[in-house]
């Protein structure tokens, strides 16, 4: 199994993106209007928790047949006995690098050295380091298939 820029939990990824978006909105609205977005619209931990509960109850469970509070794909990584190659850029702003560390720590299969792309953003590992990326994938496949 090769995991490239993977997230550890659906809820964690949604919270990360929500935090990025609300952070950008707060700054934009405050600079454009002088209004503090967090105070005016009550962007709090409790309200974001309620929003995720509503999202889960009315959309992700009935429409996508998925529970955002379930720790997929972390559960799969933990339960799978396959050797995995984890690939991640250190400057990934879509799925934070800490997700690689989480997945690596709970890996249920044999250990294989991850490919860490220094100063690469989301999905940029191969473009920034094509030879090293190809060598990591080839080495992993040779290790698996001989």
Foldseek 3Di string as FASTA:
>chain_A
DEAALDAQALLVLVVLVVVVVVVVVQVVCCVVPVDRCCVVVVPDPVVVVVVLVCCQVPPCCPPVVDHRPDRPPLVVQLPDQDEYAYEYECAASNHHPVRVVSSQVRGNYDYDDYHYQYPAYGPCRCVVPVVVVVVSVVVVVVVVPD
